Amino acid sequence: MKYISTRGQVAPVNFTQAIMMGLATDGGLLLPEQIPHIDTTTLHSWKNLNFQELAANIITPYIDTEISSLELKTLIQSSYTKFTHPEITPLIQTGDLKILELFHGPTAAFKDIALQFLGNLFELLLKRSGQHLNILGATSGDTGSAAIYGVRGKENINIFILHPLGRVSPMQERQMTTVLDPNVYNIAIRGTFDDAQKIVKTIFNDLEFKQRYHLGAINSINWARVLAQIVYYFYAWIKFSNGNPDKFVNFAVPTGNFGDIFAGYIAKRMGLPISKLILATNQNDILTRFVHSGVYQIETVRPSISPSMDIQVASNFERYLYYLVGEEPKQVHNLLQELDNTQRLQITKAQHVQVNQEFAAVAVTEKATLEQMKATYEQTGYILDPHTAVGVKAAQAYSDTICLATAHPAKFNTAVQQALGRAASIPQNLQGLLKKETRCVTLDADIGVIKNYLYSKLEP
């Protein structure tokens, strides 16, 4: 399997190169040249596999023979040993709701599913090559802690995570800054997540700097993140349908950076029987507005009780654009140039029709989010975190829908307290965080300032 850039200016690379490259050297995002198709017979044959076995079957076509079958199975097994539920991503029924719980990993967020895998994958590839890696990433909350927990203490890896000062939950902030391993560097920037993400992308586009300092990506710009997340769409569908290929399902996905829902889109292209992907946004509703109007227009980020979705520039949207314009890199380049110049891009009427065939989209207000949290608790006793509540609210008009629960509610107890008048019980892996020692540096959201900090910590 070869990987190509959405912008078409990079020669095809293999899986190992794609993972270590992260962002393509032409500034685009990497995608497989072909998406493997899973036929209905194979789908049915997978119905009795556990999560780890299913993961091996789904990931194998994307890596060819670069990683042996035994190595891959070992890597997958080790990636999920720290999960607190034997099913890894259990599908549960509470009242009329079908909830796919994605928060049983070490940081209690869905990002663990991909980042535990990616951390171990990096370790394997670096051991082979004898190289070292400096990971640079931006987070709106959960990615940072999951990435840090995925690589903390690992040899030949340093990790630098930027987060927006005061715009992540106290629990999210402590999950990052209480990790004191010497290979972990936390940077709070005076700005928004979009500012942090722009800084990271700009640094990656400085090819001399990227190559000299061996930079790697853990944000969902790294294809391995998307690849690992495809698995739980298949797993949830199997639990829902018992492997019956005639049984279709909808997925409601709380959406900020478009990575999670893009994994669902790839699963659908692989042959998974998905009717609609319900794209659920909070008041930062650029993606909902795009689905409704065909116009992607950047506005100011507004802080919310669901901070991991407080995003205007969604990284993985470029990957979807590539498919939407018929896999024509020049058209992707032109649309992104339009976005850079005018803060907006517009697709054709035919493309807009296609978008609405693949996605439904709902923006959920802060008031409606709190009301949904309260209603679900009163009706079923189940506590939703505010991001999951956005997805549940968005799914109300659709039957046969699985709602992705992206974080444990205790990570957002301020919102839970506001909605329910009580806090969610704190799971063992989050207890005591607010009392632990922290280490973090606060810097301006300035590319020069961040680069100077990196210079001070890195050796080429």
Protein backbone atom coordinates (compact mmCIF):
# COMPACT_ATOMS: atom_id res chain seq x y z
CA MET A 1 0.00 0.00 0.00
CA LYS A 2 1.33 3.41 -1.01
CA TYR A 3 0.31 6.76 0.45
CA ILE A 4 -0.25 10.00 -1.46
CA SER A 5 -0.73 13.64 -0.50
CA THR A 6 -4.03 15.47 -0.85
CA ARG A 7 -2.03 18.20 -2.63
CA GLY A 8 -0.33 15.86 -5.09
CA GLN A 9 3.23 17.18 -4.87
CA VAL A 10 4.81 14.21 -3.04
CA ALA A 11 5.88 10.95 -4.64
CA PRO A 12 3.96 7.98 -3.17
CA VAL A 13 5.45 6.73 0.10
CA ASN A 14 5.07 3.49 2.04
CA PHE A 15 3.23 3.05 5.34
CA THR A 16 6.31 3.54 7.53
CA GLN A 17 7.26 6.73 5.70
CA ALA A 18 3.69 8.03 5.94
CA ILE A 19 3.54 7.50 9.70
CA MET A 20 6.92 9.06 10.39
CA MET A 21 6.25 11.94 7.99
CA GLY A 22 2.93 12.89 9.61
CA LEU A 23 2.18 15.97 7.51
CA ALA A 24 3.19 15.55 3.88
CA THR A 25 6.15 17.64 2.79
CA ASP A 26 3.93 19.63 0.37
CA GLY A 27 1.72 20.68 3.30
CA GLY A 28 -1.01 18.19 2.45
CA LEU A 29 -2.37 15.20 4.34
CA LEU A 30 -1.54 11.60 3.49
CA LEU A 31 -4.10 9.06 2.32
CA PRO A 32 -3.87 5.49 0.99
CA GLU A 33 -3.80 5.22 -2.80
CA GLN A 34 -6.73 2.80 -2.58
CA ILE A 35 -9.25 2.15 0.14
CA PRO A 36 -9.59 -1.61 0.74
CA HIS A 37 -13.12 -2.96 0.19
CA ILE A 38 -14.59 -5.40 2.70
CA ASP A 39 -17.23 -7.63 1.11
CA THR A 40 -20.37 -8.80 2.90
CA THR A 41 -19.07 -12.34 3.36
CA THR A 42 -15.99 -11.05 5.17
CA LEU A 43 -18.08 -8.66 7.26
CA HIS A 44 -20.26 -11.52 8.43
CA SER A 45 -17.22 -13.70 9.17
CA TRP A 46 -15.90 -11.05 11.58
CA LYS A 47 -18.94 -11.13 13.87
CA ASN A 48 -17.29 -13.22 16.62
CA LEU A 49 -13.94 -11.42 16.69
CA ASN A 50 -12.90 -9.45 19.75
CA PHE A 51 -11.76 -5.85 19.37
CA GLN A 52 -8.07 -6.68 19.05
CA GLU A 53 -8.65 -9.42 16.46
CA LEU A 54 -10.90 -7.12 14.46
CA ALA A 55 -8.28 -4.36 14.59
CA ALA A 56 -5.65 -6.68 13.11
CA ASN A 57 -7.96 -7.61 10.23
CA ILE A 58 -8.85 -4.00 9.42
CA ILE A 59 -5.34 -2.56 9.72
CA THR A 60 -3.48 -5.30 7.81
CA PRO A 61 -4.44 -4.20 4.24
CA TYR A 62 -3.15 -0.69 4.97
CA ILE A 63 0.35 -1.84 5.91
CA ASP A 64 0.96 -4.71 3.45
CA THR A 65 4.04 -6.61 4.67
CA GLU A 66 5.93 -3.74 6.31
CA ILE A 67 4.93 -5.06 9.72
CA SER A 68 4.57 -8.81 10.09
CA SER A 69 1.30 -10.35 11.20
CA LEU A 70 2.86 -11.39 14.51
CA GLU A 71 4.37 -7.93 15.11
CA LEU A 72 1.03 -6.27 14.38
CA LYS A 73 -0.92 -8.58 16.68
CA THR A 74 1.62 -8.03 19.47
CA LEU A 75 1.51 -4.27 18.95
CA ILE A 76 -2.31 -4.22 19.08
CA GLN A 77 -2.45 -6.41 22.18
CA SER A 78 0.02 -4.20 24.04
CA SER A 79 -1.85 -1.05 23.00
CA TYR A 80 -5.03 -2.02 24.81
CA THR A 81 -3.72 -3.57 28.04
CA LYS A 82 -4.39 -0.34 29.98
CA PHE A 83 -8.09 -0.20 29.08
CA THR A 84 -10.50 -0.81 31.94
CA HIS A 85 -13.22 -2.59 29.93
CA PRO A 86 -12.57 -6.01 28.35
CA GLU A 87 -14.40 -5.00 25.16
CA ILE A 88 -12.25 -1.83 24.81
CA THR A 89 -15.15 0.09 23.18
CA PRO A 90 -18.37 -1.44 24.56
CA LEU A 91 -21.74 -0.68 22.96
CA ILE A 92 -24.30 -0.17 25.69
CA GLN A 93 -28.03 0.45 25.76
CA THR A 94 -29.43 3.01 28.21
CA GLY A 95 -33.12 3.70 27.76
CA ASP A 96 -33.60 4.20 24.02
CA LEU A 97 -30.00 5.28 23.51
CA LYS A 98 -27.25 3.18 22.00
CA ILE A 99 -23.95 4.54 23.32
CA LEU A 100 -20.52 3.50 22.08
CA GLU A 101 -18.28 4.13 25.09
CA LEU A 102 -14.87 5.22 23.88
CA PHE A 103 -13.50 6.45 27.21
CA HIS A 104 -12.11 3.34 28.91
CA GLY A 105 -8.46 4.09 28.14
CA PRO A 106 -5.84 5.60 30.47
CA THR A 107 -6.92 9.24 29.92
CA ALA A 108 -10.67 8.51 29.74
CA ALA A 109 -11.12 9.87 26.21
CA PHE A 110 -11.58 8.39 22.74
CA LYS A 111 -8.15 9.63 21.68
CA ASP A 112 -6.57 6.80 23.73
CA ILE A 113 -7.75 4.22 21.21
CA ALA A 114 -5.58 5.68 18.48
CA LEU A 115 -2.76 7.17 20.54
CA GLN A 116 -1.91 4.09 22.58
CA PHE A 117 -1.56 2.32 19.22
CA LEU A 118 0.42 5.17 17.64
CA GLY A 119 2.81 5.42 20.61
CA ASN A 120 3.66 1.74 20.32
CA LEU A 121 3.90 2.00 16.54
CA PHE A 122 6.39 4.86 16.82
CA GLU A 123 8.43 2.83 19.30
CA LEU A 124 8.54 -0.17 16.96
CA LEU A 125 9.55 1.88 13.90
CA LEU A 126 12.21 3.86 15.81
CA LYS A 127 13.72 0.68 17.22
CA ARG A 128 14.08 -0.63 13.69
CA SER A 129 15.68 2.52 12.32
CA GLY A 130 17.78 3.52 15.34
CA GLN A 131 16.49 7.09 14.99
CA HIS A 132 14.86 9.42 17.49
CA LEU A 133 11.66 11.45 17.15
CA ASN A 134 10.45 14.79 18.48
CA ILE A 135 6.66 14.81 18.48
CA LEU A 136 4.96 18.18 18.14
CA GLY A 137 1.22 18.56 18.54
CA ALA A 138 -1.62 20.90 19.43
CA THR A 139 -4.62 19.96 21.53
CA SER A 140 -8.04 21.33 22.32
CA GLY A 141 -8.07 19.08 25.37
CA ASP A 142 -8.02 15.31 24.97
CA THR A 143 -5.45 14.71 22.24
CA GLY A 144 -2.63 16.15 24.34
CA SER A 145 -3.08 13.95 27.37
CA ALA A 146 -3.74 10.84 25.29
CA ALA A 147 -0.61 11.50 23.22
CA ILE A 148 1.49 12.13 26.32
CA TYR A 149 0.26 8.91 27.94
CA GLY A 150 0.96 7.08 24.69
CA VAL A 151 4.69 7.98 24.62
CA ARG A 152 5.66 8.99 28.18
CA GLY A 153 8.93 7.41 29.21
CA LYS A 154 9.53 5.81 25.81
CA GLU A 155 13.11 5.76 24.53
CA ASN A 156 14.13 7.96 21.62
CA ILE A 157 10.95 10.08 21.79
CA ASN A 158 10.30 13.59 23.09
CA ILE A 159 6.84 15.14 23.01
CA PHE A 160 5.89 18.82 22.91
CA ILE A 161 2.19 19.63 23.32
CA LEU A 162 0.62 23.07 22.86
CA HIS A 163 -2.72 23.79 24.50
CA PRO A 164 -4.73 27.04 24.71
CA LEU A 165 -4.26 28.62 28.14
CA GLY A 166 -7.47 28.49 30.18
CA ARG A 167 -9.49 26.92 27.36
CA VAL A 168 -9.29 23.27 28.37
CA SER A 169 -11.04 21.79 31.38
CA PRO A 170 -9.11 21.70 34.69
CA MET A 171 -9.04 17.89 34.50
CA GLN A 172 -7.72 17.93 30.93
CA GLU A 173 -5.03 20.46 31.85
CA ARG A 174 -3.89 18.39 34.86
CA GLN A 175 -3.82 15.18 32.86
CA MET A 176 -1.15 16.80 30.70
CA THR A 177 0.82 18.90 33.14
CA THR A 178 1.11 16.32 35.94
CA VAL A 179 3.11 13.99 33.68
CA LEU A 180 6.66 14.75 34.81
CA ASP A 181 8.60 12.28 32.65
CA PRO A 182 11.67 14.04 31.25
CA ASN A 183 10.61 13.43 27.64
CA VAL A 184 7.33 15.39 28.10
CA TYR A 185 7.03 19.15 27.50
CA ASN A 186 3.75 21.01 28.02
CA ILE A 187 3.28 24.48 26.52
CA ALA A 188 0.25 26.65 27.33
CA ILE A 189 -0.17 29.33 24.68
CA ARG A 190 -1.93 32.66 25.09
CA GLY A 191 -4.48 32.04 22.35
CA THR A 192 -6.96 29.54 20.90
CA PHE A 193 -6.62 25.95 19.72
CA ASP A 194 -6.72 27.22 16.14
CA ASP A 195 -3.70 29.41 16.96
CA ALA A 196 -1.86 26.38 18.34
CA GLN A 197 -2.78 24.21 15.37
CA LYS A 198 -1.64 26.90 12.92
CA ILE A 199 1.73 27.16 14.70
CA VAL A 200 2.23 23.40 14.53
CA LYS A 201 1.32 23.24 10.83
CA THR A 202 3.62 26.18 10.05
CA ILE A 203 6.53 24.50 11.81
CA PHE A 204 5.89 21.25 9.95
CA ASN A 205 5.90 23.18 6.67
CA ASP A 206 9.43 24.42 7.47
CA LEU A 207 10.98 21.35 5.89
CA GLU A 208 14.55 22.15 6.93
CA PHE A 209 13.50 22.54 10.56
CA LYS A 210 11.28 19.44 10.43
CA GLN A 211 14.02 17.23 9.00
CA ARG A 212 16.84 18.63 11.12
CA TYR A 213 14.95 18.07 14.37
CA HIS A 214 13.18 14.82 13.36
CA LEU A 215 9.66 16.15 13.94
CA GLY A 216 6.72 13.74 14.04
CA ALA A 217 2.98 14.35 14.31
CA ILE A 218 0.43 12.91 16.73
CA ASN A 219 -2.50 15.12 15.80
CA SER A 220 -5.09 13.52 13.53
CA ILE A 221 -3.03 14.76 10.58
CA ASN A 222 -1.16 11.46 11.19
CA TRP A 223 -2.87 8.73 9.16
CA ALA A 224 -2.36 6.13 11.92
CA ARG A 225 -4.78 8.10 14.11
CA VAL A 226 -7.57 7.76 11.55
CA LEU A 227 -6.68 4.12 10.84
CA ALA A 228 -6.99 3.04 14.48
CA GLN A 229 -10.34 4.84 14.85
CA ILE A 230 -11.89 3.04 11.87
CA VAL A 231 -11.89 -0.13 13.98
CA TYR A 232 -14.53 0.92 16.50
CA TYR A 233 -17.05 1.78 13.78
CA PHE A 234 -16.82 -1.81 12.54
CA TYR A 235 -16.90 -3.15 16.11
CA ALA A 236 -20.01 -1.13 17.00
CA TRP A 237 -21.80 -2.17 13.83
CA ILE A 238 -21.06 -5.85 14.52
CA LYS A 239 -22.49 -5.55 18.04
CA PHE A 240 -25.54 -3.72 16.66
CA SER A 241 -26.23 -6.00 13.68
CA ASN A 242 -24.71 -9.34 14.75
CA GLY A 243 -22.85 -9.25 11.45
CA ASN A 244 -25.94 -8.98 9.24
CA PRO A 245 -24.78 -6.98 6.18
CA ASP A 246 -28.37 -5.93 5.41
CA LYS A 247 -28.57 -4.06 8.72
CA PHE A 248 -27.67 -0.39 8.30
CA VAL A 249 -26.89 2.05 11.09
CA ASN A 250 -26.36 5.76 11.67
CA PHE A 251 -23.51 7.16 13.77
CA ALA A 252 -23.79 10.44 15.68
CA VAL A 253 -20.34 11.93 16.12
CA PRO A 254 -19.43 14.99 18.25
CA THR A 255 -17.16 16.80 15.85
CA GLY A 256 -14.41 19.40 16.10
CA ASN A 257 -11.34 18.55 14.03
CA PHE A 258 -13.21 16.13 11.69
CA GLY A 259 -10.83 13.23 12.43
CA ASP A 260 -13.27 10.98 14.28
CA ILE A 261 -16.09 11.35 11.79
CA PHE A 262 -13.64 11.03 8.89
CA ALA A 263 -12.70 7.59 10.25
CA GLY A 264 -16.39 6.73 9.98
CA TYR A 265 -16.43 8.04 6.42
CA ILE A 266 -13.51 5.74 5.52
CA ALA A 267 -15.29 2.82 7.22
CA LYS A 268 -18.30 3.50 5.02
CA ARG A 269 -16.15 3.63 1.88
CA MET A 270 -14.65 0.30 2.94
CA GLY A 271 -18.14 -1.22 2.81
CA LEU A 272 -19.52 -0.84 6.32
CA PRO A 273 -23.34 -0.50 6.14
CA ILE A 274 -23.69 3.10 7.35
CA SER A 275 -26.74 5.11 6.33
CA LYS A 276 -25.79 8.53 7.68
CA LEU A 277 -22.90 10.04 9.56
CA ILE A 278 -24.52 12.64 11.80
CA LEU A 279 -22.04 15.46 12.23
CA ALA A 280 -22.74 17.13 15.58
CA THR A 281 -21.16 20.49 16.44
CA ASN A 282 -21.50 22.92 19.31
CA GLN A 283 -21.77 26.70 18.84
CA ASN A 284 -18.53 26.57 16.83
CA ASP A 285 -20.54 25.25 13.93
CA ILE A 286 -18.39 25.76 10.82
CA LEU A 287 -18.82 22.13 9.73
CA THR A 288 -22.60 22.18 10.22
CA ARG A 289 -22.82 25.40 8.24
CA PHE A 290 -20.74 23.78 5.50
CA VAL A 291 -23.06 20.76 5.23
CA HIS A 292 -26.13 23.02 5.14
CA SER A 293 -24.82 25.67 2.75
CA GLY A 294 -21.83 24.32 0.84
CA VAL A 295 -19.77 27.23 2.20
CA TYR A 296 -16.91 26.69 4.66
CA GLN A 297 -16.39 30.07 6.33
CA ILE A 298 -14.09 30.71 9.27
CA GLU A 299 -15.48 32.71 12.19
CA THR A 300 -14.19 33.51 15.67
CA VAL A 301 -13.88 30.61 18.10
CA ARG A 302 -16.30 30.91 21.02
CA PRO A 303 -15.35 29.09 24.25
CA SER A 304 -17.92 26.53 25.40
CA ILE A 305 -18.62 23.79 27.94
CA SER A 306 -17.52 21.29 25.25
CA PRO A 307 -14.01 22.71 24.69
CA SER A 308 -12.62 19.87 22.58
CA MET A 309 -15.01 21.04 19.84
CA ASP A 310 -14.07 24.73 20.02
CA ILE A 311 -12.43 24.69 16.60
CA GLN A 312 -12.95 26.57 13.34
CA VAL A 313 -10.19 25.15 11.12
CA ALA A 314 -10.74 21.37 11.07
CA SER A 315 -7.54 19.59 10.00
CA ASN A 316 -9.08 16.46 8.53
CA PHE A 317 -11.56 18.40 6.44
CA GLU A 318 -8.85 18.54 3.75
CA ARG A 319 -8.87 14.76 3.49
CA TYR A 320 -12.62 14.78 2.88
CA LEU A 321 -12.26 17.58 0.33
CA TYR A 322 -9.88 15.35 -1.63
CA TYR A 323 -12.59 12.75 -2.12
CA LEU A 324 -15.33 15.32 -2.61
CA VAL A 325 -13.55 16.89 -5.61
CA GLY A 326 -12.95 13.52 -7.25
CA GLU A 327 -9.42 12.92 -5.92
CA GLU A 328 -8.03 15.90 -7.86
CA PRO A 329 -5.16 17.47 -5.86
CA LYS A 330 -5.17 20.65 -7.97
CA GLN A 331 -8.78 21.33 -7.00
CA VAL A 332 -7.91 20.75 -3.33
CA HIS A 333 -5.05 23.23 -3.66
CA ASN A 334 -7.29 25.82 -5.31
CA LEU A 335 -10.00 25.54 -2.64
CA LEU A 336 -7.48 25.80 0.19
CA GLN A 337 -5.87 28.79 -1.49
CA GLU A 338 -9.32 30.39 -1.61
CA LEU A 339 -9.72 29.65 2.10
CA ASP A 340 -6.33 31.18 2.94
CA ASN A 341 -7.09 34.31 0.94
CA THR A 342 -10.72 34.93 1.93
CA GLN A 343 -11.37 32.83 5.08
CA ARG A 344 -14.02 30.92 3.12
CA LEU A 345 -14.36 28.34 0.39
CA GLN A 346 -17.39 27.25 -1.60
CA ILE A 347 -18.08 23.96 -3.35
CA THR A 348 -20.25 23.34 -6.41
CA LYS A 349 -23.96 22.51 -6.27
CA ALA A 350 -23.27 18.92 -7.33
CA GLN A 351 -20.64 18.55 -4.62
CA HIS A 352 -23.07 20.01 -2.07
CA VAL A 353 -25.64 17.37 -3.02
CA GLN A 354 -22.98 14.70 -2.46
CA VAL A 355 -22.11 16.10 0.98
CA ASN A 356 -25.75 15.84 2.03
CA GLN A 357 -25.95 12.26 0.80
CA GLU A 358 -23.09 11.33 3.12
CA PHE A 359 -23.68 13.53 6.17
CA ALA A 360 -26.44 15.01 8.24
CA ALA A 361 -25.38 17.94 10.40
CA VAL A 362 -26.79 19.54 13.54
CA ALA A 363 -25.43 22.42 15.62
CA VAL A 364 -26.38 22.22 19.30
CA THR A 365 -26.51 25.25 21.58
CA GLU A 366 -25.00 25.35 25.05
CA LYS A 367 -28.50 25.51 26.56
CA ALA A 368 -29.64 22.48 24.57
CA THR A 369 -26.50 20.58 25.57
CA LEU A 370 -27.18 21.10 29.27
CA GLU A 371 -30.84 20.20 28.79
CA GLN A 372 -29.87 16.96 27.05
CA MET A 373 -27.48 16.04 29.84
CA LYS A 374 -30.26 16.61 32.38
CA ALA A 375 -32.94 14.78 30.38
CA THR A 376 -30.78 11.72 29.77
CA TYR A 377 -29.85 11.53 33.45
CA GLU A 378 -33.44 11.89 34.63
CA GLN A 379 -34.71 9.31 32.14
CA THR A 380 -31.97 6.68 32.44
CA GLY A 381 -29.55 7.60 35.24
CA TYR A 382 -26.74 7.77 32.66
CA ILE A 383 -24.39 10.76 32.79
CA LEU A 384 -23.25 12.22 29.48
CA ASP A 385 -20.22 14.42 29.14
CA PRO A 386 -21.05 17.67 27.27
CA HIS A 387 -19.44 16.54 23.99
CA THR A 388 -21.38 13.27 23.96
CA ALA A 389 -24.55 15.21 24.84
CA VAL A 390 -24.09 17.27 21.67
CA GLY A 391 -24.07 14.04 19.66
CA VAL A 392 -27.08 12.59 21.49
CA LYS A 393 -29.09 15.77 20.93
CA ALA A 394 -28.16 15.81 17.24
CA ALA A 395 -29.29 12.19 16.83
CA GLN A 396 -32.84 12.68 18.11
CA ALA A 397 -34.45 12.72 14.67
CA TYR A 398 -32.79 9.46 13.58
CA SER A 399 -33.58 5.86 14.44
CA ASP A 400 -31.04 3.02 14.51
CA THR A 401 -28.34 5.42 15.65
CA ILE A 402 -25.20 4.75 17.67
CA CYS A 403 -23.96 7.78 19.59
CA LEU A 404 -20.23 8.03 20.18
CA ALA A 405 -19.37 8.80 23.83
CA THR A 406 -16.05 10.55 23.44
CA ALA A 407 -15.04 11.25 27.04
CA HIS A 408 -15.82 10.24 30.61
CA PRO A 409 -18.16 12.83 32.17
CA ALA A 410 -15.85 13.32 35.16
CA LYS A 411 -13.43 15.13 32.84
CA PHE A 412 -16.04 17.88 32.54
CA ASN A 413 -17.58 17.97 35.99
CA THR A 414 -18.13 21.73 35.91
CA ALA A 415 -20.63 21.20 33.09
CA VAL A 416 -22.05 18.05 34.73
CA GLN A 417 -22.60 19.96 37.98
CA GLN A 418 -24.28 22.77 36.06
CA ALA A 419 -26.61 20.38 34.25
CA LEU A 420 -27.41 17.86 36.99
CA GLY A 421 -26.67 19.61 40.26
CA ARG A 422 -24.19 16.83 41.06
CA ALA A 423 -20.80 15.67 39.85
CA ALA A 424 -19.94 12.46 38.05
CA SER A 425 -17.95 9.92 40.01
CA ILE A 426 -14.25 10.20 39.22
CA PRO A 427 -12.75 6.97 37.81
CA GLN A 428 -9.63 5.65 39.48
CA ASN A 429 -7.28 6.77 36.70
CA LEU A 430 -8.37 10.41 37.17
CA GLN A 431 -8.39 10.53 40.97
CA GLY A 432 -5.96 12.82 42.74
CA LEU A 433 -4.89 14.70 39.60
CA LEU A 434 -5.84 18.11 40.96
CA LYS A 435 -3.43 17.65 43.90
CA LYS A 436 -0.39 16.49 41.93
CA GLU A 437 2.71 18.48 41.05
CA THR A 438 2.61 20.08 37.59
CA ARG A 439 5.13 21.25 35.02
CA CYS A 440 4.21 23.60 32.15
CA VAL A 441 5.54 26.71 30.44
CA THR A 442 3.27 29.54 29.26
CA LEU A 443 4.22 31.28 25.99
CA ASP A 444 2.74 33.71 23.49
CA ALA A 445 0.94 32.24 20.47
CA ASP A 446 3.78 33.33 18.22
CA ILE A 447 5.64 31.10 15.80
CA GLY A 448 8.99 32.69 16.63
CA VAL A 449 8.50 32.30 20.37
CA ILE A 450 7.53 28.63 20.02
CA LYS A 451 10.42 27.88 17.68
CA ASN A 452 12.89 29.50 20.06
CA TYR A 453 11.56 27.33 22.88
CA LEU A 454 12.00 24.23 20.72
CA TYR A 455 15.53 25.30 19.80
CA SER A 456 16.36 25.56 23.51
CA LYS A 457 15.23 21.99 24.20
CA LEU A 458 16.24 20.08 21.11
CA GLU A 459 19.42 18.77 19.63
CA PRO A 460 19.42 17.89 15.92
